[in-house]
Amino acid sequence: MPDAASGWSARRPIRAGARTNALYVAPIPLLFTGWGGGPAGLALDLAAFFVLMAAAHSTREGIRAEMAYEARAVARRPALPRKLLGAVLTGAGLALAGLPAIGGAIALAGLGVALHVGAFGIDPLRNKRPDGAEAWQSDRAAEAIDAAEAHLAAMRDHIARTGDRPLTTRVEAFADTARGLFRTVERDPRDLPQARAWLGVYLLGARDAAAKYADLAANRAGPAARAEFVALLDDLEQGFARRTEAMLLDDRSDLDVEIEVLRDRLRRDDLAPAARDEV
């Protein structure tokens, strides 16, 4: 939920990648061990295999969601705690593998859950907001940015359908610029009204344009259609960059005003010299 170096990017390697890959590899022997145990043994081992593979997938997605959460200043906790679900599924899969020995199955389940939580931790359990921001402001900003991220993801998916890798890279570059505005809003959710049209209307239009171009490309659209779409991306990227810069300048201006007001107050109260001496 990608951005430049300052934030989350879907292209970043997943954290604990080797350990999550091991989760996919570990169940593979179950495809072979059940053949000597009759139909019941085979059914249990195959069921254990599929449950453990589901656990691996859930864990990987949970780590991705946590990385996105940590990269953002404003974020809502994951609606589905995928890492905890992965731990439960790991325990269930190991229990199935340990059957029909009930005691062994229970021991394997408990050990599996404990080791999974120890290796991967648990999902974020709280919404995250910057210091000083009202809860309702942070929630609105997080909701708007989540919707904007969905528009960017849809754009990427539409262009990926064309098989045009340079254009896909161009869309990713535009997304990086757009996320600069996202991060600005996250740092100060009070800026949301200034950015709402960019997060909503403009990105929605960009998503629809990407869908239309992808449909044209499927029908062998000429270079003119591609050039028009790239020109649209250029215009949008420049607009997002200007909007982000303007908001940053506004924030600096507000800070300068607050500092000047404070200085005036100190001078009126004859505290300015003392303040300078303390510094």
C-alpha atoms as a PDB file:
ATOM      1  CA  MET A   1       0.000   0.000   0.000  1.00  0.00           C
ATOM      2  CA  PRO A   2       5.542   1.933  -4.330  1.00  0.00           C
ATOM      3  CA  ASP A   3       7.270   5.141  -3.869  1.00  0.00           C
ATOM      4  CA  ALA A   4      10.687   6.575  -4.100  1.00  0.00           C
ATOM      5  CA  ALA A   5      13.465   6.109  -1.641  1.00  0.00           C
ATOM      6  CA  SER A   6      11.461   7.854   1.015  1.00  0.00           C
ATOM      7  CA  GLY A   7       8.773   5.221   1.144  1.00  0.00           C
ATOM      8  CA  TRP A   8       7.307   1.936   0.095  1.00  0.00           C
ATOM      9  CA  SER A   9       7.880   0.383  -3.313  1.00  0.00           C
ATOM     10  CA  ALA A  10       6.379  -2.834  -4.588  1.00  0.00           C
ATOM     11  CA  ARG A  11       9.678  -3.428  -6.387  1.00  0.00           C
ATOM     12  CA  ARG A  12      11.644  -3.658  -3.156  1.00  0.00           C
ATOM     13  CA  PRO A  13      12.731  -7.176  -2.168  1.00  0.00           C
ATOM     14  CA  ILE A  14      10.475  -8.704   0.421  1.00  0.00           C
ATOM     15  CA  ARG A  15      11.905  -8.746   3.935  1.00  0.00           C
ATOM     16  CA  ALA A  16      12.894 -12.176   5.278  1.00  0.00           C
ATOM     17  CA  GLY A  17      12.683 -13.468   1.727  1.00  0.00           C
ATOM     18  CA  ALA A  18      14.836 -16.541   2.378  1.00  0.00           C
ATOM     19  CA  ARG A  19      12.670 -17.597   5.319  1.00  0.00           C
ATOM     20  CA  THR A  20       9.431 -17.127   3.398  1.00  0.00           C
ATOM     21  CA  ASN A  21      10.839 -19.074   0.470  1.00  0.00           C
ATOM     22  CA  ALA A  22      11.676 -21.882   2.888  1.00  0.00           C
ATOM     23  CA  LEU A  23       7.997 -22.022   3.846  1.00  0.00           C
ATOM     24  CA  TYR A  24       7.178 -22.941   0.256  1.00  0.00           C
ATOM     25  CA  VAL A  25       9.917 -25.568   0.053  1.00  0.00           C
ATOM     26  CA  ALA A  26       9.386 -27.314   3.402  1.00  0.00           C
ATOM     27  CA  PRO A  27       6.011 -28.958   2.562  1.00  0.00           C
ATOM     28  CA  ILE A  28       7.239 -30.553  -0.703  1.00  0.00           C
ATOM     29  CA  PRO A  29       8.266 -33.906   0.919  1.00  0.00           C
ATOM     30  CA  LEU A  30       4.621 -34.380   1.911  1.00  0.00           C
ATOM     31  CA  LEU A  31       3.840 -34.989  -1.752  1.00  0.00           C
ATOM     32  CA  PHE A  32       5.834 -38.214  -1.538  1.00  0.00           C
ATOM     33  CA  THR A  33       5.607 -39.478   2.035  1.00  0.00           C
ATOM     34  CA  GLY A  34       1.899 -40.281   1.932  1.00  0.00           C
ATOM     35  CA  TRP A  35       2.093 -42.852  -0.844  1.00  0.00           C
ATOM     36  CA  GLY A  36       3.212 -45.594   1.507  1.00  0.00           C
ATOM     37  CA  GLY A  37       0.506 -44.994   4.090  1.00  0.00           C
ATOM     38  CA  GLY A  38      -2.580 -46.026   2.170  1.00  0.00           C
ATOM     39  CA  PRO A  39      -5.458 -43.760   1.089  1.00  0.00           C
ATOM     40  CA  ALA A  40      -5.902 -42.205   4.531  1.00  0.00           C
ATOM     41  CA  GLY A  41      -2.228 -41.375   4.909  1.00  0.00           C
ATOM     42  CA  LEU A  42      -2.077 -39.956   1.408  1.00  0.00           C
ATOM     43  CA  ALA A  43      -5.145 -37.775   2.008  1.00  0.00           C
ATOM     44  CA  LEU A  44      -3.709 -36.417   5.273  1.00  0.00           C
ATOM     45  CA  ASP A  45      -0.316 -35.610   3.750  1.00  0.00           C
ATOM     46  CA  LEU A  46      -1.835 -33.938   0.712  1.00  0.00           C
ATOM     47  CA  ALA A  47      -4.142 -31.895   2.930  1.00  0.00           C
ATOM     48  CA  ALA A  48      -1.159 -30.906   5.080  1.00  0.00           C
ATOM     49  CA  PHE A  49       0.766 -29.883   1.955  1.00  0.00           C
ATOM     50  CA  PHE A  50      -1.958 -27.561   0.682  1.00  0.00           C
ATOM     51  CA  VAL A  51      -2.581 -26.021   4.111  1.00  0.00           C
ATOM     52  CA  LEU A  52       1.135 -25.325   4.573  1.00  0.00           C
ATOM     53  CA  MET A  53       1.359 -23.779   1.104  1.00  0.00           C
ATOM     54  CA  ALA A  54      -1.591 -21.548   1.992  1.00  0.00           C
ATOM     55  CA  ALA A  55       0.258 -20.611   5.194  1.00  0.00           C
ATOM     56  CA  ALA A  56       3.357 -19.669   3.192  1.00  0.00           C
ATOM     57  CA  HIS A  57       1.325 -17.461   0.842  1.00  0.00           C
ATOM     58  CA  SER A  58      -0.509 -15.776   3.706  1.00  0.00           C
ATOM     59  CA  THR A  59       2.759 -15.097   5.506  1.00  0.00           C
ATOM     60  CA  ARG A  60       4.373 -13.578   2.422  1.00  0.00           C
ATOM     61  CA  GLU A  61       1.409 -11.285   1.835  1.00  0.00           C
ATOM     62  CA  GLY A  62       1.389 -10.344   5.518  1.00  0.00           C
ATOM     63  CA  ILE A  63       5.040  -9.304   5.334  1.00  0.00           C
ATOM     64  CA  ARG A  64       4.333  -7.223   2.226  1.00  0.00           C
ATOM     65  CA  ALA A  65       1.458  -5.497   4.004  1.00  0.00           C
ATOM     66  CA  GLU A  66       3.656  -4.836   7.042  1.00  0.00           C
ATOM     67  CA  MET A  67       6.413  -3.339   4.869  1.00  0.00           C
ATOM     68  CA  ALA A  68       3.884  -1.000   3.271  1.00  0.00           C
ATOM     69  CA  TYR A  69       2.537  -0.090   6.728  1.00  0.00           C
ATOM     70  CA  GLU A  70       5.998   0.714   8.081  1.00  0.00           C
ATOM     71  CA  ALA A  71       6.934   2.857   5.066  1.00  0.00           C
ATOM     72  CA  ARG A  72       3.966   5.176   5.512  1.00  0.00           C
ATOM     73  CA  ALA A  73       3.466   7.910   8.080  1.00  0.00           C
ATOM     74  CA  VAL A  74      -0.294   7.366   7.970  1.00  0.00           C
ATOM     75  CA  ALA A  75      -1.551   3.807   7.653  1.00  0.00           C
ATOM     76  CA  ARG A  76      -4.386   1.645   8.803  1.00  0.00           C
ATOM     77  CA  ARG A  77      -3.673  -1.702  10.360  1.00  0.00           C
ATOM     78  CA  PRO A  78      -4.197  -4.600   7.957  1.00  0.00           C
ATOM     79  CA  ALA A  79      -7.860  -5.610   7.844  1.00  0.00           C
ATOM     80  CA  LEU A  80      -6.799  -9.263   7.743  1.00  0.00           C
ATOM     81  CA  PRO A  81      -3.850 -10.224  10.006  1.00  0.00           C
ATOM     82  CA  ARG A  82      -2.171 -12.396   7.381  1.00  0.00           C
ATOM     83  CA  LYS A  83       0.924 -13.281   9.380  1.00  0.00           C
ATOM     84  CA  LEU A  84      -1.173 -14.510  12.286  1.00  0.00           C
ATOM     85  CA  LEU A  85      -3.329 -16.420   9.818  1.00  0.00           C
ATOM     86  CA  GLY A  86      -0.134 -17.911   8.392  1.00  0.00           C
ATOM     87  CA  ALA A  87       0.898 -19.018  11.893  1.00  0.00           C
ATOM     88  CA  VAL A  88      -2.463 -20.688  12.511  1.00  0.00           C
ATOM     89  CA  LEU A  89      -2.370 -22.407   9.112  1.00  0.00           C
ATOM     90  CA  THR A  90       1.179 -23.575   9.785  1.00  0.00           C
ATOM     91  CA  GLY A  91       0.044 -25.147  13.027  1.00  0.00           C
ATOM     92  CA  ALA A  92      -2.937 -26.753  11.295  1.00  0.00           C
ATOM     93  CA  GLY A  93      -0.781 -28.122   8.487  1.00  0.00           C
ATOM     94  CA  LEU A  94       1.726 -29.631  10.881  1.00  0.00           C
ATOM     95  CA  ALA A  95      -1.100 -31.125  12.919  1.00  0.00           C
ATOM     96  CA  LEU A  96      -2.450 -32.822   9.802  1.00  0.00           C
ATOM     97  CA  ALA A  97       1.035 -34.099   9.023  1.00  0.00           C
ATOM     98  CA  GLY A  98       1.289 -35.533  12.555  1.00  0.00           C
ATOM     99  CA  LEU A  99      -1.977 -37.464  12.411  1.00  0.00           C
ATOM    100  CA  PRO A 100      -3.196 -40.034  13.284  1.00  0.00           C
ATOM    101  CA  ALA A 101      -1.036 -39.650  16.438  1.00  0.00           C
ATOM    102  CA  ILE A 102      -3.154 -37.109  18.377  1.00  0.00           C
ATOM    103  CA  GLY A 103      -0.456 -36.200  20.887  1.00  0.00           C
ATOM    104  CA  GLY A 104       2.145 -35.712  18.189  1.00  0.00           C
ATOM    105  CA  ALA A 105      -0.252 -33.628  16.102  1.00  0.00           C
ATOM    106  CA  ILE A 106      -1.000 -31.276  19.012  1.00  0.00           C
ATOM    107  CA  ALA A 107       2.702 -30.917  19.828  1.00  0.00           C
ATOM    108  CA  LEU A 108       3.570 -30.173  16.189  1.00  0.00           C
ATOM    109  CA  ALA A 109       0.768 -27.617  15.928  1.00  0.00           C
ATOM    110  CA  GLY A 110       1.893 -25.728  19.022  1.00  0.00           C
ATOM    111  CA  LEU A 111       5.528 -25.834  17.967  1.00  0.00           C
ATOM    112  CA  GLY A 112       4.670 -24.647  14.481  1.00  0.00           C
ATOM    113  CA  VAL A 113       2.676 -21.652  15.695  1.00  0.00           C
ATOM    114  CA  ALA A 114       5.368 -20.676  18.215  1.00  0.00           C
ATOM    115  CA  LEU A 115       8.209 -20.946  15.687  1.00  0.00           C
ATOM    116  CA  HIS A 116       6.245 -19.028  13.057  1.00  0.00           C
ATOM    117  CA  VAL A 117       5.499 -16.140  15.422  1.00  0.00           C
ATOM    118  CA  GLY A 118       9.105 -16.172  16.600  1.00  0.00           C
ATOM    119  CA  ALA A 119      10.436 -16.045  13.035  1.00  0.00           C
ATOM    120  CA  PHE A 120       7.984 -13.575  11.468  1.00  0.00           C
ATOM    121  CA  GLY A 121       6.314 -11.749  14.349  1.00  0.00           C
ATOM    122  CA  ILE A 122       2.712 -10.588  14.278  1.00  0.00           C
ATOM    123  CA  ASP A 123       0.840  -8.093  12.145  1.00  0.00           C
ATOM    124  CA  PRO A 124       0.548  -4.385  13.068  1.00  0.00           C
ATOM    125  CA  LEU A 125      -2.376  -4.047  15.449  1.00  0.00           C
ATOM    126  CA  ARG A 126      -2.859  -0.260  15.501  1.00  0.00           C
ATOM    127  CA  ASN A 127      -3.583   2.452  12.977  1.00  0.00           C
ATOM    128  CA  LYS A 128      -0.599   4.746  12.538  1.00  0.00           C
ATOM    129  CA  ARG A 129      -0.812   8.519  12.479  1.00  0.00           C
ATOM    130  CA  PRO A 130       1.744  11.343  12.768  1.00  0.00           C
ATOM    131  CA  ASP A 131       2.172  13.080  16.110  1.00  0.00           C
ATOM    132  CA  GLY A 132      -0.291  15.900  16.639  1.00  0.00           C
ATOM    133  CA  ALA A 133      -2.730  14.791  13.937  1.00  0.00           C
ATOM    134  CA  GLU A 134      -6.365  14.241  14.815  1.00  0.00           C
ATOM    135  CA  ALA A 135      -7.578  10.672  14.430  1.00  0.00           C
ATOM    136  CA  TRP A 136     -10.308  11.620  11.972  1.00  0.00           C
ATOM    137  CA  GLN A 137      -7.830  13.566   9.816  1.00  0.00           C
ATOM    138  CA  SER A 138      -5.413  10.645   9.712  1.00  0.00           C
ATOM    139  CA  ASP A 139      -8.199   8.186   8.919  1.00  0.00           C
ATOM    140  CA  ARG A 140      -9.448  10.324   6.038  1.00  0.00           C
ATOM    141  CA  ALA A 141      -5.922  10.724   4.675  1.00  0.00           C
ATOM    142  CA  ALA A 142      -5.258   6.984   4.933  1.00  0.00           C
ATOM    143  CA  GLU A 143      -8.529   6.202   3.155  1.00  0.00           C
ATOM    144  CA  ALA A 144      -7.777   8.650   0.333  1.00  0.00           C
ATOM    145  CA  ILE A 145      -4.244   7.339  -0.115  1.00  0.00           C
ATOM    146  CA  ASP A 146      -5.419   3.720  -0.121  1.00  0.00           C
ATOM    147  CA  ALA A 147      -7.856   4.589  -2.922  1.00  0.00           C
ATOM    148  CA  ALA A 148      -5.091   6.419  -4.809  1.00  0.00           C
ATOM    149  CA  GLU A 149      -2.784   3.403  -4.454  1.00  0.00           C
ATOM    150  CA  ALA A 150      -5.557   1.228  -5.899  1.00  0.00           C
ATOM    151  CA  HIS A 151      -5.740   3.522  -8.944  1.00  0.00           C
ATOM    152  CA  LEU A 152      -1.973   3.261  -9.442  1.00  0.00           C
ATOM    153  CA  ALA A 153      -2.088  -0.530  -9.106  1.00  0.00           C
ATOM    154  CA  ALA A 154      -4.864  -0.695 -11.699  1.00  0.00           C
ATOM    155  CA  MET A 155      -2.820   1.503 -14.057  1.00  0.00           C
ATOM    156  CA  ARG A 156       0.172  -0.807 -13.681  1.00  0.00           C
ATOM    157  CA  ASP A 157      -1.982  -3.882 -14.331  1.00  0.00           C
ATOM    158  CA  HIS A 158      -3.563  -2.371 -17.455  1.00  0.00           C
ATOM    159  CA  ILE A 159      -0.220  -1.398 -18.969  1.00  0.00           C
ATOM    160  CA  ALA A 160       1.316  -4.745 -18.022  1.00  0.00           C
ATOM    161  CA  ARG A 161      -1.298  -6.353 -20.283  1.00  0.00           C
ATOM    162  CA  THR A 162       0.272  -4.611 -23.280  1.00  0.00           C
ATOM    163  CA  GLY A 163       3.630  -6.336 -22.772  1.00  0.00           C
ATOM    164  CA  ASP A 164       5.324  -2.973 -23.334  1.00  0.00           C
ATOM    165  CA  ARG A 165       8.078  -3.038 -20.710  1.00  0.00           C
ATOM    166  CA  PRO A 166       9.428   0.487 -21.376  1.00  0.00           C
ATOM    167  CA  LEU A 167       5.913   1.857 -20.960  1.00  0.00           C
ATOM    168  CA  THR A 168       5.451  -0.166 -17.766  1.00  0.00           C
ATOM    169  CA  THR A 169       8.670   1.403 -16.456  1.00  0.00           C
ATOM    170  CA  ARG A 170       7.333   4.830 -17.431  1.00  0.00           C
ATOM    171  CA  VAL A 171       4.149   4.204 -15.451  1.00  0.00           C
ATOM    172  CA  GLU A 172       6.238   3.161 -12.433  1.00  0.00           C
ATOM    173  CA  ALA A 173       8.193   6.429 -12.691  1.00  0.00           C
ATOM    174  CA  PHE A 174       4.930   8.373 -12.727  1.00  0.00           C
ATOM    175  CA  ALA A 175       3.759   6.380  -9.706  1.00  0.00           C
ATOM    176  CA  ASP A 176       6.946   7.307  -7.826  1.00  0.00           C
ATOM    177  CA  THR A 177       6.236  10.999  -8.440  1.00  0.00           C
ATOM    178  CA  ALA A 178       2.607  10.636  -7.400  1.00  0.00           C
ATOM    179  CA  ARG A 179       3.655   8.964  -4.171  1.00  0.00           C
ATOM    180  CA  GLY A 180       5.731  12.001  -3.316  1.00  0.00           C
ATOM    181  CA  LEU A 181       2.402  13.800  -2.918  1.00  0.00           C
ATOM    182  CA  PHE A 182       1.036  10.877  -0.900  1.00  0.00           C
ATOM    183  CA  ARG A 183       3.931  11.140   1.550  1.00  0.00           C
ATOM    184  CA  THR A 184       3.392  14.889   1.893  1.00  0.00           C
ATOM    185  CA  VAL A 185      -0.241  14.315   2.863  1.00  0.00           C
ATOM    186  CA  GLU A 186       0.755  11.545   5.255  1.00  0.00           C
ATOM    187  CA  ARG A 187       3.170  13.833   7.085  1.00  0.00           C
ATOM    188  CA  ASP A 188       0.429  16.432   7.544  1.00  0.00           C
ATOM    189  CA  PRO A 189      -3.105  15.058   6.977  1.00  0.00           C
ATOM    190  CA  ARG A 190      -4.450  18.618   7.158  1.00  0.00           C
ATOM    191  CA  ASP A 191      -3.130  19.029   3.595  1.00  0.00           C
ATOM    192  CA  LEU A 192      -5.631  16.495   2.269  1.00  0.00           C
ATOM    193  CA  PRO A 193      -8.155  19.072   0.956  1.00  0.00           C
ATOM    194  CA  GLN A 194      -5.433  20.610  -1.230  1.00  0.00           C
ATOM    195  CA  ALA A 195      -4.506  17.227  -2.673  1.00  0.00           C
ATOM    196  CA  ARG A 196      -7.893  15.486  -2.831  1.00  0.00           C
ATOM    197  CA  ALA A 197      -8.505  16.191  -6.528  1.00  0.00           C
ATOM    198  CA  TRP A 198      -5.058  14.850  -7.397  1.00  0.00           C
ATOM    199  CA  LEU A 199      -5.513  11.699  -5.326  1.00  0.00           C
ATOM    200  CA  GLY A 200      -8.997  11.105  -6.699  1.00  0.00           C
ATOM    201  CA  VAL A 201     -10.136  12.720  -9.934  1.00  0.00           C
ATOM    202  CA  TYR A 202      -6.780  12.935 -11.703  1.00  0.00           C
ATOM    203  CA  LEU A 203      -5.604   9.441 -10.792  1.00  0.00           C
ATOM    204  CA  LEU A 204      -8.998   8.011 -11.669  1.00  0.00           C
ATOM    205  CA  GLY A 205      -8.717   9.663 -15.080  1.00  0.00           C
ATOM    206  CA  ALA A 206      -5.187   8.285 -15.481  1.00  0.00           C
ATOM    207  CA  ARG A 207      -6.421   4.807 -14.606  1.00  0.00           C
ATOM    208  CA  ASP A 208      -9.224   5.025 -17.170  1.00  0.00           C
ATOM    209  CA  ALA A 209      -6.794   6.307 -19.809  1.00  0.00           C
ATOM    210  CA  ALA A 210      -4.478   3.369 -19.106  1.00  0.00           C
ATOM    211  CA  ALA A 211      -7.382   0.946 -19.510  1.00  0.00           C
ATOM    212  CA  LYS A 212      -8.403   2.499 -22.817  1.00  0.00           C
ATOM    213  CA  TYR A 213      -4.851   2.453 -24.132  1.00  0.00           C
ATOM    214  CA  ALA A 214      -4.444  -1.193 -23.107  1.00  0.00           C
ATOM    215  CA  ASP A 215      -7.604  -2.048 -25.058  1.00  0.00           C
ATOM    216  CA  LEU A 216      -6.282  -0.180 -28.092  1.00  0.00           C
ATOM    217  CA  ALA A 217      -2.911  -1.910 -27.792  1.00  0.00           C
ATOM    218  CA  ALA A 218      -4.669  -5.279 -27.794  1.00  0.00           C
ATOM    219  CA  ASN A 219      -6.054  -4.274 -31.190  1.00  0.00           C
ATOM    220  CA  ARG A 220      -2.597  -3.244 -32.404  1.00  0.00           C
ATOM    221  CA  ALA A 221      -2.848   0.465 -31.802  1.00  0.00           C
ATOM    222  CA  GLY A 222      -0.353   2.594 -33.692  1.00  0.00           C
ATOM    223  CA  PRO A 223       2.485   4.641 -32.207  1.00  0.00           C
ATOM    224  CA  ALA A 224       0.260   7.751 -32.122  1.00  0.00           C
ATOM    225  CA  ALA A 225      -1.933   6.293 -29.362  1.00  0.00           C
ATOM    226  CA  ARG A 226       1.136   5.350 -27.336  1.00  0.00           C
ATOM    227  CA  ALA A 227       2.616   8.813 -27.767  1.00  0.00           C
ATOM    228  CA  GLU A 228      -0.626  10.409 -26.582  1.00  0.00           C
ATOM    229  CA  PHE A 229      -0.687   8.244 -23.468  1.00  0.00           C
ATOM    230  CA  VAL A 230       2.960   9.029 -22.691  1.00  0.00           C
ATOM    231  CA  ALA A 231       2.230  12.744 -23.145  1.00  0.00           C
ATOM    232  CA  LEU A 232      -0.633  12.411 -20.655  1.00  0.00           C
ATOM    233  CA  LEU A 233       1.727  10.765 -18.163  1.00  0.00           C
ATOM    234  CA  ASP A 234       4.233  13.595 -18.670  1.00  0.00           C
ATOM    235  CA  ASP A 235       1.578  16.238 -17.981  1.00  0.00           C
ATOM    236  CA  LEU A 236       0.283  14.417 -14.920  1.00  0.00           C
ATOM    237  CA  GLU A 237       3.758  13.842 -13.551  1.00  0.00           C
ATOM    238  CA  GLN A 238       4.619  17.525 -13.868  1.00  0.00           C
ATOM    239  CA  GLY A 239       1.328  18.454 -12.222  1.00  0.00           C
ATOM    240  CA  PHE A 240       1.918  16.126  -9.276  1.00  0.00           C
ATOM    241  CA  ALA A 241       5.454  17.437  -8.853  1.00  0.00           C
ATOM    242  CA  ARG A 242       4.274  21.050  -8.857  1.00  0.00           C
ATOM    243  CA  ARG A 243       1.461  20.309  -6.408  1.00  0.00           C
ATOM    244  CA  THR A 244       3.879  18.545  -4.040  1.00  0.00           C
ATOM    245  CA  GLU A 245       6.375  21.404  -4.226  1.00  0.00           C
ATOM    246  CA  ALA A 246       3.642  23.978  -3.611  1.00  0.00           C
ATOM    247  CA  MET A 247       2.412  22.105  -0.540  1.00  0.00           C
ATOM    248  CA  LEU A 248       5.937  21.814   0.841  1.00  0.00           C
ATOM    249  CA  LEU A 249       6.452  25.550   0.335  1.00  0.00           C
ATOM    250  CA  ASP A 250       3.135  26.234   2.076  1.00  0.00           C
ATOM    251  CA  ASP A 251       4.248  24.107   5.011  1.00  0.00           C
ATOM    252  CA  ARG A 252       7.528  26.047   5.226  1.00  0.00           C
ATOM    253  CA  SER A 253       5.647  29.348   5.047  1.00  0.00           C
ATOM    254  CA  ASP A 254       3.344  28.232   7.867  1.00  0.00           C
ATOM    255  CA  LEU A 255       6.387  27.279   9.940  1.00  0.00           C
ATOM    256  CA  ASP A 256       8.024  30.664   9.306  1.00  0.00           C
ATOM    257  CA  VAL A 257       4.841  32.430  10.406  1.00  0.00           C
ATOM    258  CA  GLU A 258       4.621  30.362  13.587  1.00  0.00           C
ATOM    259  CA  ILE A 259       8.274  31.096  14.417  1.00  0.00           C
ATOM    260  CA  GLU A 260       7.781  34.824  13.853  1.00  0.00           C
ATOM    261  CA  VAL A 261       4.659  34.861  16.042  1.00  0.00           C
ATOM    262  CA  LEU A 262       6.590  33.071  18.791  1.00  0.00           C
ATOM    263  CA  ARG A 263       9.452  35.554  18.544  1.00  0.00           C
ATOM    264  CA  ASP A 264       7.028  38.482  18.804  1.00  0.00           C
ATOM    265  CA  ARG A 265       5.479  36.917  21.894  1.00  0.00           C
ATOM    266  CA  LEU A 266       8.886  36.425  23.498  1.00  0.00           C
ATOM    267  CA  ARG A 267       9.830  40.028  22.793  1.00  0.00           C
ATOM    268  CA  ARG A 268       6.578  41.305  24.295  1.00  0.00           C
ATOM    269  CA  ASP A 269       7.138  39.247  27.420  1.00  0.00           C
ATOM    270  CA  ASP A 270      10.826  40.253  27.665  1.00  0.00           C
ATOM    271  CA  LEU A 271      11.791  36.603  27.361  1.00  0.00           C
ATOM    272  CA  ALA A 272      13.764  36.812  24.170  1.00  0.00           C
ATOM    273  CA  PRO A 273      17.120  37.748  25.815  1.00  0.00           C
ATOM    274  CA  ALA A 274      16.730  34.991  28.404  1.00  0.00           C
ATOM    275  CA  ALA A 275      15.854  32.506  25.710  1.00  0.00           C
ATOM    276  CA  ARG A 276      18.993  33.469  23.782  1.00  0.00           C
ATOM    277  CA  ASP A 277      21.122  33.124  26.905  1.00  0.00           C
ATOM    278  CA  GLU A 278      19.773  29.648  27.571  1.00  0.00           C
ATOM    279  CA  VAL A 279      20.541  28.580  24.007  1.00  0.00           C
END
